[in-house]
Amino acid sequence: MTRLSVNINKIALLRNARGSDIPNLLQFATDCERFGAQGITIHPRPDERHITKQDVYELKNAVTTEFNIEGYPTPDFMEMVLQIRPEQCTLVPDAPGQLTSDHGWNTLEHTSFLSEIITELHTRKIRVSLFIDPENKLIEAAKLAGADRIEFYTGPYAHNFDKDNNAAIKGFVAAAGYCNKIGIGINAGHDLNLDNLKFFKQHIPGLLEVSIGHALVRDCLYYGLENTIQLYLRQLE
């Protein structure tokens, strides 16, 4: 079964809007786990507009499933991750003020840089995933850089799903086959939801983990947290 990791950034954003501790981020994370989620994902950004540095340290002591920290590997980010030692670190090529992750690494151009970062994370036994577009040459370079997994940027799939789901998935199927061939793990994330997740899961062999935040939090408003977690888990069976 593909693991569900819940991205809780939007809960932190909601909390920060009122300058209080409502909703409580730690409680939401532990409730996600209690209701069946197999991981918690956060993406702290330099401006702390949602996840703060303090949140990262507090969540380390609260999360009992897999802890996944996403981000661009600045010196500050790397210092924090090396101290926290999450089970997984997902590296993304985001600019500091970027609204959301909307493209993968050019691993051909940044192979040397990524290799150094990955080696450093591996010294703390942290699994490394690279956010990436579904292109074989980029996947091959990710493998050469030492990444344990790639995380497919699934924004284009979600955008085109309602137009032609078979066309939307085609490139990801081919890229997943290449991942399995060269022995690199497959994660996926961005705009996956209850409408398109099951189809993606059914067509991607070896899909290990999906990270879902925005859509899942939206669905909580309608279905409640416990029911929403179960609905997502059913899509991954």
Protein backbone atom coordinates (compact mmCIF):
# COMPACT_ATOMS: atom_id res chain seq x y z
CA MET A 1 0.00 0.00 0.00
CA THR A 2 1.21 3.48 -0.88
CA ARG A 3 1.83 5.55 2.24
CA LEU A 4 -0.13 8.75 2.89
CA SER A 5 1.88 11.65 4.29
CA VAL A 6 -0.22 14.67 5.28
CA ASN A 7 1.27 18.10 4.57
CA ILE A 8 0.16 20.36 7.43
CA ASN A 9 1.41 23.71 6.08
CA LYS A 10 -2.13 25.03 5.53
CA ILE A 11 -3.04 24.33 9.16
CA ALA A 12 -0.07 26.44 10.25
CA LEU A 13 -1.13 29.18 7.82
CA LEU A 14 -4.63 29.22 9.33
CA ARG A 15 -3.20 29.36 12.84
CA ASN A 16 -0.85 32.22 11.98
CA ALA A 17 -3.69 34.29 10.51
CA ARG A 18 -4.97 35.06 14.02
CA GLY A 19 -1.66 35.09 15.86
CA SER A 20 -2.81 32.41 18.27
CA ASP A 21 -2.45 28.65 18.70
CA ILE A 22 -5.79 27.76 17.12
CA PRO A 23 -5.84 25.34 15.41
CA ASN A 24 -3.07 23.62 17.33
CA LEU A 25 -0.53 22.26 14.86
CA LEU A 26 0.77 19.45 17.06
CA GLN A 27 -2.73 18.25 17.84
CA PHE A 28 -3.63 18.22 14.14
CA ALA A 29 -0.50 16.24 13.28
CA THR A 30 -1.04 13.65 16.00
CA ASP A 31 -4.73 13.35 15.09
CA CYS A 32 -3.78 12.70 11.45
CA GLU A 33 -1.58 9.86 12.67
CA ARG A 34 -4.27 8.57 15.04
CA PHE A 35 -6.75 8.43 12.15
CA GLY A 36 -4.39 6.44 9.93
CA ALA A 37 -1.93 8.75 8.16
CA GLN A 38 1.49 7.12 7.83
CA GLY A 39 3.51 10.32 7.74
CA ILE A 40 3.58 14.07 8.36
CA THR A 41 5.11 16.49 5.86
CA ILE A 42 6.09 20.10 6.43
CA HIS A 43 7.69 22.68 4.17
CA PRO A 44 9.18 25.47 6.31
CA ARG A 45 9.96 28.59 4.30
CA PRO A 46 12.38 31.41 5.17
CA ASP A 47 9.56 33.92 5.83
CA GLU A 48 7.83 31.48 8.23
CA ARG A 49 4.47 32.34 6.69
CA HIS A 50 3.15 28.97 7.81
CA ILE A 51 5.55 26.49 9.43
CA THR A 52 7.93 28.22 11.84
CA LYS A 53 11.33 27.03 12.93
CA GLN A 54 9.93 26.41 16.41
CA ASP A 55 7.21 24.23 14.86
CA VAL A 56 9.85 22.02 13.25
CA TYR A 57 11.56 21.27 16.55
CA GLU A 58 8.27 20.71 18.40
CA LEU A 59 6.92 18.40 15.70
CA LYS A 60 10.05 16.27 15.89
CA ASN A 61 9.03 15.32 19.42
CA ALA A 62 5.35 14.84 18.54
CA VAL A 63 5.37 12.92 15.25
CA THR A 64 5.48 9.16 15.73
CA THR A 65 5.15 8.12 12.08
CA GLU A 66 7.46 9.19 9.26
CA PHE A 67 8.56 12.83 9.45
CA ASN A 68 9.28 14.43 6.06
CA ILE A 69 10.78 17.92 5.84
CA GLU A 70 10.70 19.65 2.45
CA GLY A 71 12.67 22.68 1.41
CA TYR A 72 15.45 24.34 -0.52
CA PRO A 73 18.82 23.43 0.99
CA THR A 74 20.02 26.80 2.27
CA PRO A 75 22.64 26.70 5.05
CA ASP A 76 19.95 27.48 7.65
CA PHE A 77 17.65 24.77 6.32
CA MET A 78 20.43 22.21 6.27
CA GLU A 79 21.54 23.05 9.82
CA MET A 80 17.98 22.55 11.05
CA VAL A 81 17.39 19.28 9.17
CA LEU A 82 20.70 17.80 10.30
CA GLN A 83 19.76 18.57 13.90
CA ILE A 84 16.21 17.24 13.61
CA ARG A 85 17.16 14.12 11.62
CA PRO A 86 13.76 13.39 10.06
CA GLU A 87 13.20 10.06 8.34
CA GLN A 88 13.07 11.84 4.99
CA CYS A 89 14.16 15.17 3.53
CA THR A 90 12.60 16.22 0.22
CA LEU A 91 14.70 18.81 -1.59
CA VAL A 92 12.84 21.32 -3.75
CA PRO A 93 14.26 24.01 -6.08
CA ASP A 94 12.07 26.84 -4.74
CA ALA A 95 13.06 30.50 -4.66
CA PRO A 96 12.76 32.07 -1.15
CA GLY A 97 9.49 33.90 -1.80
CA GLN A 98 7.83 31.30 -4.00
CA LEU A 99 4.12 30.77 -3.34
CA THR A 100 4.23 27.00 -3.86
CA SER A 101 6.47 24.40 -5.48
CA ASP A 102 5.66 24.43 -9.19
CA HIS A 103 8.58 22.69 -10.91
CA GLY A 104 11.21 20.07 -10.25
CA TRP A 105 14.99 20.18 -10.09
CA ASN A 106 17.14 20.48 -13.18
CA THR A 107 19.28 17.65 -11.89
CA LEU A 108 21.50 17.74 -14.97
CA GLU A 109 22.55 21.29 -14.17
CA HIS A 110 22.77 20.86 -10.41
CA THR A 111 24.15 17.32 -10.09
CA SER A 112 27.31 18.36 -8.23
CA PHE A 113 25.48 20.68 -5.84
CA LEU A 114 22.82 18.09 -5.06
CA SER A 115 25.39 15.34 -4.63
CA GLU A 116 27.15 17.33 -1.89
CA ILE A 117 23.87 18.05 -0.11
CA ILE A 118 22.68 14.44 -0.35
CA THR A 119 25.99 13.11 0.95
CA GLU A 120 25.71 15.41 3.97
CA LEU A 121 22.15 14.27 4.71
CA HIS A 122 23.16 10.64 4.35
CA THR A 123 25.75 11.09 7.09
CA ARG A 124 22.79 11.48 9.46
CA LYS A 125 20.97 8.51 7.88
CA ILE A 126 18.28 10.76 6.39
CA ARG A 127 16.56 9.40 3.29
CA VAL A 128 16.63 11.96 0.47
CA SER A 129 14.00 12.57 -2.17
CA LEU A 130 14.29 15.09 -5.03
CA PHE A 131 11.24 16.97 -6.34
CA ILE A 132 11.36 16.34 -10.06
CA ASP A 133 9.50 16.42 -13.37
CA PRO A 134 8.85 13.06 -15.09
CA GLU A 135 11.80 13.00 -17.49
CA ASN A 136 14.19 10.06 -17.69
CA LYS A 137 17.33 12.18 -18.07
CA LEU A 138 16.45 14.12 -14.91
CA ILE A 139 15.70 10.91 -13.01
CA GLU A 140 19.00 9.39 -14.13
CA ALA A 141 20.89 12.46 -12.90
CA ALA A 142 19.01 12.28 -9.58
CA LYS A 143 20.19 8.71 -9.19
CA LEU A 144 23.77 9.72 -10.04
CA ALA A 145 23.60 12.47 -7.42
CA GLY A 146 22.77 9.83 -4.80
CA ALA A 147 19.05 10.42 -4.22
CA ASP A 148 17.14 7.55 -2.64
CA ARG A 149 13.86 8.62 -4.18
CA ILE A 150 12.31 11.16 -6.49
CA GLU A 151 9.02 12.93 -5.85
CA PHE A 152 7.08 13.50 -9.04
CA TYR A 153 5.72 17.03 -9.36
CA THR A 154 2.14 16.08 -10.25
CA GLY A 155 0.74 19.55 -10.91
CA PRO A 156 0.52 19.00 -14.70
CA TYR A 157 -1.20 15.64 -14.17
CA ALA A 158 -3.83 17.20 -11.91
CA HIS A 159 -4.31 20.16 -14.27
CA ASN A 160 -4.96 17.93 -17.28
CA PHE A 161 -6.76 15.08 -15.53
CA ASP A 162 -10.31 16.20 -16.34
CA LYS A 163 -9.44 16.87 -19.98
CA ASP A 164 -7.90 13.46 -20.73
CA ASN A 165 -6.79 11.32 -17.82
CA ASN A 166 -4.92 8.83 -19.99
CA ALA A 167 -2.93 11.57 -21.67
CA ALA A 168 -2.30 13.23 -18.30
CA ILE A 169 -0.81 10.07 -16.78
CA LYS A 170 1.16 8.86 -19.80
CA GLY A 171 4.46 10.61 -19.12
CA PHE A 172 4.40 9.63 -15.45
CA VAL A 173 3.84 5.96 -16.30
CA ALA A 174 6.88 5.93 -18.58
CA ALA A 175 9.01 7.78 -16.03
CA ALA A 176 7.89 5.45 -13.23
CA GLY A 177 8.93 2.48 -15.33
CA TYR A 178 12.36 4.03 -15.72
CA CYS A 179 12.60 4.66 -11.95
CA ASN A 180 11.87 1.00 -11.28
CA LYS A 181 14.40 -0.04 -13.89
CA ILE A 182 17.29 1.94 -12.37
CA GLY A 183 16.26 1.33 -8.76
CA ILE A 184 15.17 4.69 -7.39
CA GLY A 185 12.06 5.03 -5.20
CA ILE A 186 8.95 6.92 -6.25
CA ASN A 187 7.03 9.52 -4.25
CA ALA A 188 4.51 11.99 -5.65
CA GLY A 189 2.84 15.22 -4.65
CA HIS A 190 1.11 18.44 -5.69
CA ASP A 191 -2.59 18.90 -6.40
CA LEU A 192 -3.42 15.23 -5.86
CA ASN A 193 -6.97 14.89 -4.51
CA LEU A 194 -9.91 12.54 -4.08
CA ASP A 195 -10.81 12.86 -7.75
CA ASN A 196 -7.44 12.01 -9.32
CA LEU A 197 -5.48 10.08 -6.68
CA LYS A 198 -6.84 6.59 -7.26
CA PHE A 199 -6.21 6.76 -11.01
CA PHE A 200 -2.64 7.92 -10.39
CA LYS A 201 -2.01 5.15 -7.88
CA GLN A 202 -3.42 2.48 -10.21
CA HIS A 203 -1.12 3.48 -13.07
CA ILE A 204 2.16 4.14 -11.26
CA PRO A 205 3.93 0.88 -10.36
CA GLY A 206 6.05 1.09 -7.25
CA LEU A 207 4.48 4.29 -5.89
CA LEU A 208 5.78 4.42 -2.30
CA GLU A 209 4.34 7.62 -0.89
CA VAL A 210 2.12 10.58 -1.68
CA SER A 211 2.27 13.91 0.14
CA ILE A 212 -1.05 15.75 0.19
CA GLY A 213 -1.92 18.96 2.00
CA HIS A 214 -4.04 21.63 0.34
CA ALA A 215 -6.77 19.34 -1.03
CA LEU A 216 -6.89 17.23 2.12
CA VAL A 217 -7.32 20.27 4.35
CA ARG A 218 -10.07 21.56 2.05
CA ASP A 219 -11.86 18.21 2.28
CA CYS A 220 -11.66 18.32 6.08
CA LEU A 221 -14.00 21.32 6.00
CA TYR A 222 -16.68 19.17 4.41
CA TYR A 223 -16.02 15.67 5.71
CA GLY A 224 -14.14 16.11 8.98
CA LEU A 225 -10.54 15.07 9.59
CA GLU A 226 -11.02 11.42 10.53
CA ASN A 227 -13.33 10.70 7.62
CA THR A 228 -11.09 12.59 5.18
CA ILE A 229 -8.01 10.60 6.16
CA GLN A 230 -9.95 7.38 5.61
CA LEU A 231 -11.23 8.57 2.23
CA TYR A 232 -7.66 9.22 1.06
CA LEU A 233 -6.39 5.93 2.39
CA ARG A 234 -9.08 4.09 0.44
CA GLN A 235 -7.85 5.69 -2.77
CA LEU A 236 -4.43 4.19 -2.09
CA GLU A 237 -5.53 0.62 -1.37
